[in-house]
């Protein structure tokens, strides 16, 4: 008997590219979280290029991350 729950999806080149982009976006947010904390703690402004890049990283995550199961 075959246990279908044990099957794994074959990764396409696009799946691999998406995973790399997702990992990079998450890593960038993690690396720059201190800017957000500094803004909250003592109102140190976040540089505009960092704001733009963080917004792009969040957009990438929203587009590529699997939706949480309800």
PDB file of N, CA and C in Angstrom:
ATOM      1  N   UNK A   1       0.848  -1.167   0.000  1.00  0.00           N
ATOM      2  CA  UNK A   1       0.000   0.000   0.000  1.00  0.00           C
ATOM      3  C   UNK A   1       0.901   1.238   0.000  1.00  0.00           C
ATOM      4  N   UNK A   2       0.489   2.268  -0.728  1.00  0.00           N
ATOM      5  CA  UNK A   2       1.245   3.513  -0.822  1.00  0.00           C
ATOM      6  C   UNK A   2       0.688   4.509   0.193  1.00  0.00           C
ATOM      7  N   UNK A   3       1.591   5.109   0.966  1.00  0.00           N
ATOM      8  CA  UNK A   3       1.194   6.149   1.922  1.00  0.00           C
ATOM      9  C   UNK A   3       1.381   7.502   1.235  1.00  0.00           C
ATOM     10  N   UNK A   4       0.298   8.029   0.680  1.00  0.00           N
ATOM     11  CA  UNK A   4       0.354   9.271  -0.099  1.00  0.00           C
ATOM     12  C   UNK A   4       0.801  10.465   0.739  1.00  0.00           C
ATOM     13  N   UNK A   5       0.621  10.407   2.032  1.00  0.00           N
ATOM     14  CA  UNK A   5       1.024  11.537   2.870  1.00  0.00           C
ATOM     15  C   UNK A   5       2.545  11.680   2.951  1.00  0.00           C
ATOM     16  N   UNK A   6       3.272  10.646   2.546  1.00  0.00           N
ATOM     17  CA  UNK A   6       4.727  10.672   2.610  1.00  0.00           C
ATOM     18  C   UNK A   6       5.370  11.215   1.331  1.00  0.00           C
ATOM     19  N   UNK A   7       4.554  11.497   0.312  1.00  0.00           N
ATOM     20  CA  UNK A   7       5.093  12.013  -0.936  1.00  0.00           C
ATOM     21  C   UNK A   7       5.546  13.453  -0.766  1.00  0.00           C
ATOM     22  N   UNK A   8       6.643  13.795  -1.423  1.00  0.00           N
ATOM     23  CA  UNK A   8       7.157  15.156  -1.382  1.00  0.00           C
ATOM     24  C   UNK A   8       7.028  15.780  -2.760  1.00  0.00           C
ATOM     25  N   UNK A   9       6.691  17.068  -2.777  1.00  0.00           N
ATOM     26  CA  UNK A   9       6.562  17.784  -4.029  1.00  0.00           C
ATOM     27  C   UNK A   9       7.938  17.956  -4.661  1.00  0.00           C
ATOM     28  N   UNK A  10       8.030  17.755  -5.958  1.00  0.00           N
ATOM     29  CA  UNK A  10       9.281  17.980  -6.675  1.00  0.00           C
ATOM     30  C   UNK A  10       9.445  19.479  -6.861  1.00  0.00           C
ATOM     31  N   UNK A  11      10.599  19.984  -6.458  1.00  0.00           N
ATOM     32  CA  UNK A  11      10.880  21.414  -6.546  1.00  0.00           C
ATOM     33  C   UNK A  11      11.237  21.795  -7.982  1.00  0.00           C
ATOM     34  N   UNK A  12      10.568  22.810  -8.501  1.00  0.00           N
ATOM     35  CA  UNK A  12      10.902  23.338  -9.817  1.00  0.00           C
ATOM     36  C   UNK A  12      11.984  24.403  -9.641  1.00  0.00           C
ATOM     37  N   UNK A  13      12.646  24.786 -10.723  1.00  0.00           N
ATOM     38  CA  UNK A  13      13.612  25.883 -10.617  1.00  0.00           C
ATOM     39  C   UNK A  13      12.971  27.167 -10.064  1.00  0.00           C
ATOM     40  N   UNK A  14      11.723  27.437 -10.425  1.00  0.00           N
ATOM     41  CA  UNK A  14      11.040  28.621  -9.903  1.00  0.00           C
ATOM     42  C   UNK A  14      10.797  28.494  -8.406  1.00  0.00           C
ATOM     43  N   UNK A  15      10.457  27.294  -7.939  1.00  0.00           N
ATOM     44  CA  UNK A  15      10.280  27.074  -6.504  1.00  0.00           C
ATOM     45  C   UNK A  15      11.578  27.378  -5.752  1.00  0.00           C
ATOM     46  N   UNK A  16      12.682  26.948  -6.303  1.00  0.00           N
ATOM     47  CA  UNK A  16      13.970  27.181  -5.659  1.00  0.00           C
ATOM     48  C   UNK A  16      14.324  28.671  -5.656  1.00  0.00           C
ATOM     49  N   UNK A  17      14.069  29.351  -6.763  1.00  0.00           N
ATOM     50  CA  UNK A  17      14.313  30.791  -6.849  1.00  0.00           C
ATOM     51  C   UNK A  17      13.439  31.540  -5.849  1.00  0.00           C
ATOM     52  N   UNK A  18      12.170  31.156  -5.765  1.00  0.00           N
ATOM     53  CA  UNK A  18      11.255  31.787  -4.810  1.00  0.00           C
ATOM     54  C   UNK A  18      11.719  31.577  -3.377  1.00  0.00           C
ATOM     55  N   UNK A  19      12.202  30.384  -3.070  1.00  0.00           N
ATOM     56  CA  UNK A  19      12.671  30.104  -1.709  1.00  0.00           C
ATOM     57  C   UNK A  19      13.890  30.947  -1.359  1.00  0.00           C
ATOM     58  N   UNK A  20      14.783  31.129  -2.319  1.00  0.00           N
ATOM     59  CA  UNK A  20      15.957  31.972  -2.090  1.00  0.00           C
ATOM     60  C   UNK A  20      15.518  33.413  -1.840  1.00  0.00           C
ATOM     61  N   UNK A  21      14.591  33.913  -2.656  1.00  0.00           N
ATOM     62  CA  UNK A  21      14.093  35.281  -2.476  1.00  0.00           C
ATOM     63  C   UNK A  21      13.416  35.444  -1.123  1.00  0.00           C
ATOM     64  N   UNK A  22      12.640  34.466  -0.742  1.00  0.00           N
ATOM     65  CA  UNK A  22      11.954  34.497   0.547  1.00  0.00           C
ATOM     66  C   UNK A  22      12.957  34.492   1.704  1.00  0.00           C
ATOM     67  N   UNK A  23      13.957  33.647   1.615  1.00  0.00           N
ATOM     68  CA  UNK A  23      14.990  33.591   2.654  1.00  0.00           C
ATOM     69  C   UNK A  23      15.759  34.911   2.753  1.00  0.00           C
ATOM     70  N   UNK A  24      16.076  35.502   1.599  1.00  0.00           N
ATOM     71  CA  UNK A  24      16.800  36.769   1.589  1.00  0.00           C
ATOM     72  C   UNK A  24      15.952  37.890   2.187  1.00  0.00           C
ATOM     73  N   UNK A  25      14.668  37.916   1.862  1.00  0.00           N
ATOM     74  CA  UNK A  25      13.774  38.952   2.398  1.00  0.00           C
ATOM     75  C   UNK A  25      13.670  38.825   3.916  1.00  0.00           C
ATOM     76  N   UNK A  26      13.494  37.611   4.393  1.00  0.00           N
ATOM     77  CA  UNK A  26      13.407  37.396   5.847  1.00  0.00           C
ATOM     78  C   UNK A  26      14.713  37.778   6.542  1.00  0.00           C
ATOM     79  N   UNK A  27      15.828  37.433   5.933  1.00  0.00           N
ATOM     80  CA  UNK A  27      17.126  37.757   6.516  1.00  0.00           C
ATOM     81  C   UNK A  27      17.334  39.271   6.560  1.00  0.00           C
ATOM     82  N   UNK A  28      16.941  39.979   5.505  1.00  0.00           N
ATOM     83  CA  UNK A  28      17.100  41.430   5.495  1.00  0.00           C
ATOM     84  C   UNK A  28      16.277  42.069   6.603  1.00  0.00           C
ATOM     85  N   UNK A  29      15.042  41.628   6.758  1.00  0.00           N
ATOM     86  CA  UNK A  29      14.219  42.189   7.828  1.00  0.00           C
ATOM     87  C   UNK A  29      14.852  41.922   9.192  1.00  0.00           C
ATOM     88  N   UNK A  30      15.350  40.721   9.376  1.00  0.00           N
ATOM     89  CA  UNK A  30      15.975  40.378  10.656  1.00  0.00           C
ATOM     90  C   UNK A  30      17.207  41.247  10.918  1.00  0.00           C
ATOM     91  N   UNK A  31      18.007  41.477   9.873  1.00  0.00           N
ATOM     92  CA  UNK A  31      19.223  42.279  10.007  1.00  0.00           C
ATOM     93  C   UNK A  31      18.924  43.750  10.294  1.00  0.00           C
ATOM     94  N   UNK A  32      17.783  44.229   9.837  1.00  0.00           N
ATOM     95  CA  UNK A  32      17.469  45.656   9.977  1.00  0.00           C
ATOM     96  C   UNK A  32      16.377  45.936  11.004  1.00  0.00           C
ATOM     97  N   UNK A  33      15.979  44.930  11.751  1.00  0.00           N
ATOM     98  CA  UNK A  33      14.968  45.141  12.789  1.00  0.00           C
ATOM     99  C   UNK A  33      15.401  46.188  13.808  1.00  0.00           C
ATOM    100  N   UNK A  34      16.693  46.308  14.035  1.00  0.00           N
ATOM    101  CA  UNK A  34      17.166  47.258  15.038  1.00  0.00           C
ATOM    102  C   UNK A  34      16.775  48.688  14.689  1.00  0.00           C
ATOM    103  N   UNK A  35      16.643  48.990  13.396  1.00  0.00           N
ATOM    104  CA  UNK A  35      16.182  50.328  13.009  1.00  0.00           C
ATOM    105  C   UNK A  35      14.777  50.586  13.559  1.00  0.00           C
ATOM    106  N   UNK A  36      13.906  49.601  13.423  1.00  0.00           N
ATOM    107  CA  UNK A  36      12.533  49.748  13.916  1.00  0.00           C
ATOM    108  C   UNK A  36      12.516  49.890  15.436  1.00  0.00           C
ATOM    109  N   UNK A  37      13.360  49.131  16.122  1.00  0.00           N
ATOM    110  CA  UNK A  37      13.422  49.246  17.576  1.00  0.00           C
ATOM    111  C   UNK A  37      13.945  50.617  17.994  1.00  0.00           C
ATOM    112  N   UNK A  38      14.960  51.111  17.285  1.00  0.00           N
ATOM    113  CA  UNK A  38      15.500  52.432  17.603  1.00  0.00           C
ATOM    114  C   UNK A  38      14.454  53.512  17.386  1.00  0.00           C
ATOM    115  N   UNK A  39      13.646  53.368  16.353  1.00  0.00           N
ATOM    116  CA  UNK A  39      12.577  54.329  16.105  1.00  0.00           C
ATOM    117  C   UNK A  39      11.574  54.321  17.249  1.00  0.00           C
ATOM    118  N   UNK A  40      11.215  53.146  17.723  1.00  0.00           N
ATOM    119  CA  UNK A  40      10.254  53.036  18.820  1.00  0.00           C
ATOM    120  C   UNK A  40      10.826  53.518  20.148  1.00  0.00           C
ATOM    121  N   UNK A  41      12.079  53.210  20.397  1.00  0.00           N
ATOM    122  CA  UNK A  41      12.672  53.537  21.695  1.00  0.00           C
ATOM    123  C   UNK A  41      13.021  55.015  21.846  1.00  0.00           C
ATOM    124  N   UNK A  42      13.668  55.578  20.823  1.00  0.00           N
ATOM    125  CA  UNK A  42      14.107  56.966  20.991  1.00  0.00           C
ATOM    126  C   UNK A  42      13.867  57.830  19.752  1.00  0.00           C
ATOM    127  N   UNK A  43      12.975  57.372  18.897  1.00  0.00           N
ATOM    128  CA  UNK A  43      12.549  58.110  17.708  1.00  0.00           C
ATOM    129  C   UNK A  43      13.683  58.404  16.727  1.00  0.00           C
ATOM    130  N   UNK A  44      14.698  57.526  16.694  1.00  0.00           N
ATOM    131  CA  UNK A  44      15.762  57.645  15.702  1.00  0.00           C
ATOM    132  C   UNK A  44      15.165  57.317  14.337  1.00  0.00           C
ATOM    133  N   UNK A  45      15.245  58.234  13.386  1.00  0.00           N
ATOM    134  CA  UNK A  45      14.622  57.986  12.078  1.00  0.00           C
ATOM    135  C   UNK A  45      15.285  56.830  11.330  1.00  0.00           C
ATOM    136  N   UNK A  46      14.470  56.120  10.592  1.00  0.00           N
ATOM    137  CA  UNK A  46      14.962  55.042   9.733  1.00  0.00           C
ATOM    138  C   UNK A  46      15.347  55.668   8.396  1.00  0.00           C
ATOM    139  N   UNK A  47      16.559  55.405   7.895  1.00  0.00           N
ATOM    140  CA  UNK A  47      16.950  55.957   6.593  1.00  0.00           C
ATOM    141  C   UNK A  47      15.954  55.524   5.497  1.00  0.00           C
ATOM    142  N   UNK A  48      15.702  56.418   4.559  1.00  0.00           N
ATOM    143  CA  UNK A  48      14.679  56.152   3.547  1.00  0.00           C
ATOM    144  C   UNK A  48      14.996  54.919   2.704  1.00  0.00           C
ATOM    145  N   UNK A  49      16.280  54.683   2.396  1.00  0.00           N
ATOM    146  CA  UNK A  49      16.613  53.503   1.598  1.00  0.00           C
ATOM    147  C   UNK A  49      16.318  52.211   2.363  1.00  0.00           C
ATOM    148  N   UNK A  50      16.498  52.241   3.671  1.00  0.00           N
ATOM    149  CA  UNK A  50      16.187  51.071   4.494  1.00  0.00           C
ATOM    150  C   UNK A  50      14.677  50.874   4.563  1.00  0.00           C
ATOM    151  N   UNK A  51      13.927  51.952   4.693  1.00  0.00           N
ATOM    152  CA  UNK A  51      12.460  51.849   4.701  1.00  0.00           C
ATOM    153  C   UNK A  51      11.956  51.219   3.409  1.00  0.00           C
ATOM    154  N   UNK A  52      12.481  51.700   2.288  1.00  0.00           N
ATOM    155  CA  UNK A  52      12.056  51.184   0.978  1.00  0.00           C
ATOM    156  C   UNK A  52      12.403  49.701   0.860  1.00  0.00           C
ATOM    157  N   UNK A  53      13.615  49.333   1.258  1.00  0.00           N
ATOM    158  CA  UNK A  53      14.041  47.935   1.163  1.00  0.00           C
ATOM    159  C   UNK A  53      13.236  47.035   2.099  1.00  0.00           C
ATOM    160  N   UNK A  54      12.911  47.527   3.297  1.00  0.00           N
ATOM    161  CA  UNK A  54      12.096  46.733   4.231  1.00  0.00           C
ATOM    162  C   UNK A  54      10.683  46.546   3.683  1.00  0.00           C
ATOM    163  N   UNK A  55      10.143  47.591   3.064  1.00  0.00           N
ATOM    164  CA  UNK A  55       8.814  47.481   2.459  1.00  0.00           C
ATOM    165  C   UNK A  55       8.836  46.448   1.330  1.00  0.00           C
ATOM    166  N   UNK A  56       9.873  46.477   0.514  1.00  0.00           N
ATOM    167  CA  UNK A  56      10.008  45.503  -0.569  1.00  0.00           C
ATOM    168  C   UNK A  56      10.168  44.084  -0.020  1.00  0.00           C
ATOM    169  N   UNK A  57      10.923  43.938   1.055  1.00  0.00           N
ATOM    170  CA  UNK A  57      11.108  42.614   1.662  1.00  0.00           C
ATOM    171  C   UNK A  57       9.782  42.070   2.189  1.00  0.00           C
ATOM    172  N   UNK A  58       8.997  42.940   2.837  1.00  0.00           N
ATOM    173  CA  UNK A  58       7.684  42.491   3.332  1.00  0.00           C
ATOM    174  C   UNK A  58       6.757  42.115   2.179  1.00  0.00           C
ATOM    175  N   UNK A  59       6.824  42.862   1.080  1.00  0.00           N
ATOM    176  CA  UNK A  59       6.000  42.539  -0.091  1.00  0.00           C
ATOM    177  C   UNK A  59       6.394  41.179  -0.672  1.00  0.00           C
ATOM    178  N   UNK A  60       7.686  40.916  -0.720  1.00  0.00           N
ATOM    179  CA  UNK A  60       8.172  39.623  -1.214  1.00  0.00           C
ATOM    180  C   UNK A  60       7.660  38.492  -0.327  1.00  0.00           C
ATOM    181  N   UNK A  61       7.738  38.688   0.975  1.00  0.00           N
ATOM    182  CA  UNK A  61       7.273  37.657   1.908  1.00  0.00           C
ATOM    183  C   UNK A  61       5.764  37.433   1.745  1.00  0.00           C
ATOM    184  N   UNK A  62       5.008  38.525   1.647  1.00  0.00           N
ATOM    185  CA  UNK A  62       3.568  38.387   1.475  1.00  0.00           C
ATOM    186  C   UNK A  62       3.205  37.682   0.187  1.00  0.00           C
ATOM    187  N   UNK A  63       4.009  37.896  -0.856  1.00  0.00           N
ATOM    188  CA  UNK A  63       3.727  37.270  -2.142  1.00  0.00           C
ATOM    189  C   UNK A  63       4.130  35.798  -2.178  1.00  0.00           C
ATOM    190  N   UNK A  64       5.266  35.470  -1.576  1.00  0.00           N
ATOM    191  CA  UNK A  64       5.832  34.129  -1.741  1.00  0.00           C
ATOM    192  C   UNK A  64       5.591  33.156  -0.597  1.00  0.00           C
ATOM    193  N   UNK A  65       5.355  33.678   0.599  1.00  0.00           N
ATOM    194  CA  UNK A  65       5.194  32.782   1.747  1.00  0.00           C
ATOM    195  C   UNK A  65       3.870  32.043   1.656  1.00  0.00           C
ATOM    196  N   UNK A  66       3.881  30.779   2.013  1.00  0.00           N
ATOM    197  CA  UNK A  66       2.617  30.035   2.018  1.00  0.00           C
ATOM    198  C   UNK A  66       1.653  30.625   3.040  1.00  0.00           C
ATOM    199  N   UNK A  67       0.394  30.655   2.688  1.00  0.00           N
ATOM    200  CA  UNK A  67      -0.621  31.166   3.610  1.00  0.00           C
ATOM    201  C   UNK A  67      -0.751  30.222   4.797  1.00  0.00           C
ATOM    202  N   UNK A  68      -0.898  30.787   5.999  1.00  0.00           N
ATOM    203  CA  UNK A  68      -1.086  29.919   7.167  1.00  0.00           C
ATOM    204  C   UNK A  68      -2.413  29.178   7.061  1.00  0.00           C
ATOM    205  N   UNK A  69      -2.405  27.948   7.482  1.00  0.00           N
ATOM    206  CA  UNK A  69      -3.622  27.135   7.441  1.00  0.00           C
ATOM    207  C   UNK A  69      -4.619  27.647   8.469  1.00  0.00           C
ATOM    208  N   UNK A  70      -5.849  27.759   8.066  1.00  0.00           N
ATOM    209  CA  UNK A  70      -6.894  28.257   8.976  1.00  0.00           C
ATOM    210  C   UNK A  70      -7.476  27.137   9.789  1.00  0.00           C
TER     211      UNK A  70
END
